[in-house]
Amino acid sequence: MTPQEVILHFKGFEAFIKRGLPRELTRIVTHDTVAQIHTRVVDRQENAKGQKFSRYSTTPTLSGGTTAKSKRVGTQLAGSKAKRSQLDWVTIKRAGKNVHLFVVPGGYQEIRSIEGFGNQNKSFDFTGQMWRGFGVKRTEVSSDRFAVILGGKNQESQDKIDWNSEREGIAIIDASRSEQMHIKIQLEKEIDKYLKRAKLIP
């Protein structure tokens, strides 16, 4: 390979670093990292440091037992006249109307258990709205760096991420060290493939 050819290949490699590699980073994060974070949080209830998230609250809470995510609660706790008579009831104003709700003694943890979500530590997946909006928000590229920003792709999802992160005292969607290492390894593979195609390494 002549010196001129080497110079051209290195210029091509520089262009790949500036344009091709950010695209690869976005692809890797979109297809791998987003799924890895979701699986870790929902299935293992662990934050990026490998620690369990806090437990669901057992403080008594209110339910109407009528929504899609509380029908089992309504049936089990208030499904008959006899059951309803044993409950404590509270009337609140909602949209100018009186709404009658009953007290669930075991709090949100009891609601999740009745609805079939048995995990005691938080996985933030009860309605699924937050995770459906979770993904790559944007990619930032400058002369000396590039970054992929994760978060809620709609406002509702981002609000839930922010609220849950504030309550946990840690960003619940942060990538763990192993997830970051996966990105690094995949990017190094892409760099090696390019260098081999350009015959800059054997």
Protein backbone atom coordinates (compact mmCIF):
# COMPACT_ATOMS: atom_id res chain seq x y z
CA MET A 1 0.00 0.00 0.00
CA THR A 2 1.41 3.38 -1.00
CA PRO A 3 1.72 6.27 1.49
CA GLN A 4 -1.02 8.11 -0.42
CA GLU A 5 -3.35 5.11 -0.10
CA VAL A 6 -2.62 4.88 3.60
CA ILE A 7 -3.47 8.57 4.01
CA LEU A 8 -6.76 8.08 2.13
CA HIS A 9 -7.67 5.08 4.28
CA PHE A 10 -6.96 7.01 7.48
CA LYS A 11 -9.10 9.89 6.23
CA GLY A 12 -11.86 7.37 5.58
CA PHE A 13 -11.39 5.99 9.09
CA GLU A 14 -11.67 9.51 10.51
CA ALA A 15 -14.95 9.98 8.64
CA PHE A 16 -16.17 6.63 9.98
CA ILE A 17 -15.37 7.69 13.55
CA LYS A 18 -17.28 10.95 13.08
CA ARG A 19 -20.32 9.60 11.22
CA GLY A 20 -20.44 5.82 11.07
CA LEU A 21 -19.57 5.09 14.68
CA PRO A 22 -22.32 7.35 16.14
CA ARG A 23 -24.83 5.47 13.96
CA GLU A 24 -23.49 2.16 15.27
CA LEU A 25 -23.67 3.41 18.86
CA THR A 26 -27.30 4.43 18.35
CA ARG A 27 -28.12 1.03 16.83
CA ILE A 28 -26.44 -0.87 19.67
CA VAL A 29 -28.15 1.17 22.39
CA THR A 30 -31.53 0.99 20.65
CA HIS A 31 -31.49 -2.77 20.10
CA ASP A 32 -29.37 -4.04 23.01
CA THR A 33 -28.99 -1.60 25.90
CA VAL A 34 -32.64 -0.52 26.09
CA ALA A 35 -33.72 -4.18 26.30
CA GLN A 36 -30.98 -5.01 28.83
CA ILE A 37 -32.00 -2.19 31.16
CA HIS A 38 -35.69 -3.09 30.87
CA THR A 39 -35.01 -6.77 31.62
CA ARG A 40 -32.75 -6.00 34.59
CA VAL A 41 -35.19 -3.57 36.20
CA VAL A 42 -38.39 -5.52 35.56
CA ASP A 43 -37.16 -9.09 36.00
CA ARG A 44 -34.47 -8.64 38.66
CA GLN A 45 -35.63 -5.33 40.25
CA GLU A 46 -32.02 -4.09 40.34
CA ASN A 47 -30.60 -0.63 39.73
CA ALA A 48 -27.42 0.08 37.76
CA LYS A 49 -25.30 -0.58 40.88
CA GLY A 50 -26.74 -4.09 41.30
CA GLN A 51 -28.82 -3.10 44.32
CA LYS A 52 -32.46 -4.00 44.77
CA PHE A 53 -34.95 -1.18 44.35
CA SER A 54 -37.04 -0.28 47.38
CA ARG A 55 -40.04 -2.40 48.28
CA TYR A 56 -43.57 -1.52 47.29
CA SER A 57 -45.42 0.38 49.96
CA THR A 58 -47.56 -1.46 52.50
CA THR A 59 -49.12 1.79 53.71
CA PRO A 60 -52.94 1.56 53.33
CA THR A 61 -54.10 3.07 50.05
CA LEU A 62 -57.35 3.66 48.15
CA SER A 63 -58.82 1.77 45.23
CA GLY A 64 -62.06 1.79 43.31
CA GLY A 65 -61.58 -1.71 41.94
CA THR A 66 -62.98 -0.71 38.55
CA THR A 67 -59.99 0.03 36.31
CA ALA A 68 -58.34 -2.55 34.07
CA LYS A 69 -55.48 -2.82 36.56
CA SER A 70 -57.66 -3.12 39.67
CA LYS A 71 -60.55 -5.41 38.70
CA ARG A 72 -59.12 -8.36 40.60
CA VAL A 73 -58.69 -6.13 43.64
CA GLY A 74 -62.33 -5.11 43.35
CA THR A 75 -63.49 -8.69 42.99
CA GLN A 76 -61.37 -10.08 45.82
CA LEU A 77 -61.89 -7.30 48.34
CA ALA A 78 -65.25 -5.81 47.37
CA GLY A 79 -66.90 -8.41 45.18
CA SER A 80 -69.94 -8.98 47.40
CA LYS A 81 -72.18 -7.05 49.74
CA ALA A 82 -70.66 -8.90 52.69
CA LYS A 83 -67.13 -8.03 51.64
CA ARG A 84 -68.02 -4.40 51.00
CA SER A 85 -69.52 -4.08 54.45
CA GLN A 86 -66.18 -5.09 55.97
CA LEU A 87 -64.22 -2.36 54.17
CA ASP A 88 -63.47 1.19 55.16
CA TRP A 89 -64.82 3.60 52.54
CA VAL A 90 -63.72 7.11 51.63
CA THR A 91 -65.46 9.64 49.39
CA ILE A 92 -63.28 12.02 47.40
CA LYS A 93 -63.95 14.68 44.78
CA ARG A 94 -62.69 13.90 41.29
CA ALA A 95 -63.55 16.11 38.33
CA GLY A 96 -66.34 17.66 40.39
CA LYS A 97 -67.95 14.30 41.20
CA ASN A 98 -68.07 12.25 44.37
CA VAL A 99 -66.06 9.04 43.99
CA HIS A 100 -66.35 6.22 46.53
CA LEU A 101 -63.14 4.31 47.17
CA PHE A 102 -62.25 1.57 49.63
CA VAL A 103 -59.12 1.21 51.72
CA VAL A 104 -56.67 -1.53 50.75
CA PRO A 105 -54.97 -2.34 54.08
CA GLY A 106 -51.77 -3.77 52.56
CA GLY A 107 -51.19 -0.82 50.29
CA TYR A 108 -49.75 -0.95 46.79
CA GLN A 109 -47.88 -4.18 47.55
CA GLU A 110 -51.19 -5.93 48.27
CA ILE A 111 -52.73 -4.52 45.09
CA ARG A 112 -49.83 -5.86 43.01
CA SER A 113 -50.01 -9.24 44.69
CA ILE A 114 -53.76 -9.59 44.05
CA GLU A 115 -53.30 -8.51 40.44
CA GLY A 116 -50.69 -11.21 39.91
CA PHE A 117 -47.50 -9.17 40.25
CA GLY A 118 -45.79 -10.97 43.11
CA ASN A 119 -42.44 -9.20 43.28
CA GLN A 120 -41.99 -7.20 46.49
CA ASN A 121 -39.28 -4.89 45.13
CA LYS A 122 -40.19 -2.22 42.60
CA SER A 123 -40.00 -2.99 38.90
CA PHE A 124 -42.05 0.02 37.74
CA ASP A 125 -44.09 -2.09 35.31
CA PHE A 126 -47.66 -2.10 36.64
CA THR A 127 -49.28 -0.17 33.78
CA GLY A 128 -46.42 -0.53 31.30
CA GLN A 129 -46.81 3.09 30.17
CA MET A 130 -43.36 4.15 31.29
CA TRP A 131 -41.56 1.28 29.57
CA ARG A 132 -43.55 1.60 26.34
CA GLY A 133 -42.14 5.12 25.98
CA PHE A 134 -38.59 4.24 27.07
CA GLY A 135 -35.82 4.36 24.49
CA VAL A 136 -33.36 6.58 22.66
CA LYS A 137 -34.46 10.21 22.95
CA ARG A 138 -31.71 11.76 20.85
CA THR A 139 -28.12 11.45 19.69
CA GLU A 140 -25.60 14.24 20.29
CA VAL A 141 -22.52 14.54 18.07
CA SER A 142 -19.79 17.17 18.37
CA SER A 143 -16.21 17.52 17.13
CA ASP A 144 -14.76 15.53 20.03
CA ARG A 145 -17.56 13.34 21.39
CA PHE A 146 -20.86 11.64 20.71
CA ALA A 147 -23.56 10.45 23.06
CA VAL A 148 -26.88 8.63 22.99
CA ILE A 149 -29.45 9.98 25.45
CA LEU A 150 -31.92 7.50 26.95
CA GLY A 151 -35.24 8.47 28.50
CA GLY A 152 -38.94 8.78 27.83
CA LYS A 153 -39.75 9.38 24.18
CA ASN A 154 -43.02 10.97 25.25
CA GLN A 155 -43.75 13.31 28.14
CA GLU A 156 -45.81 10.81 30.14
CA SER A 157 -42.99 8.27 30.10
CA GLN A 158 -40.34 10.86 31.00
CA ASP A 159 -42.46 12.21 33.86
CA LYS A 160 -42.80 8.69 35.29
CA ILE A 161 -39.05 8.06 34.93
CA ASP A 162 -38.26 11.34 36.69
CA TRP A 163 -40.79 10.73 39.47
CA ASN A 164 -39.66 7.17 40.13
CA SER A 165 -35.98 8.14 39.98
CA GLU A 166 -36.54 10.93 42.50
CA ARG A 167 -38.29 8.55 44.89
CA GLU A 168 -35.52 5.94 44.55
CA GLY A 169 -32.70 8.47 44.85
CA ILE A 170 -31.04 7.04 41.72
CA ALA A 171 -31.76 7.22 37.99
CA ILE A 172 -33.74 4.02 37.43
CA ILE A 173 -32.75 3.82 33.73
CA ASP A 174 -28.98 4.21 34.18
CA ALA A 175 -26.92 1.56 32.37
CA SER A 176 -24.94 -0.80 34.60
CA ARG A 177 -21.20 -1.32 34.23
CA SER A 178 -21.73 -4.60 32.35
CA GLU A 179 -24.24 -2.93 30.02
CA GLN A 180 -21.77 -0.13 29.33
CA MET A 181 -19.02 -2.71 28.74
CA HIS A 182 -21.27 -4.47 26.21
CA ILE A 183 -21.52 -1.20 24.26
CA LYS A 184 -17.74 -0.72 24.40
CA ILE A 185 -17.05 -4.25 23.15
CA GLN A 186 -19.54 -3.94 20.30
CA LEU A 187 -18.06 -0.59 19.21
CA GLU A 188 -14.53 -2.03 19.31
CA LYS A 189 -15.72 -4.87 17.05
CA GLU A 190 -17.12 -2.34 14.57
CA ILE A 191 -13.83 -0.41 14.59
CA ASP A 192 -11.85 -3.62 14.01
CA LYS A 193 -14.12 -4.61 11.11
CA TYR A 194 -13.61 -1.23 9.45
CA LEU A 195 -9.82 -1.32 9.91
CA LYS A 196 -9.66 -4.83 8.43
CA ARG A 197 -11.81 -3.84 5.44
CA ALA A 198 -9.50 -0.86 4.88
CA LYS A 199 -6.47 -3.20 5.25
CA LEU A 200 -5.05 -0.98 8.00
CA ILE A 201 -4.70 -4.01 10.28
CA PRO A 202 -4.23 -7.70 9.37
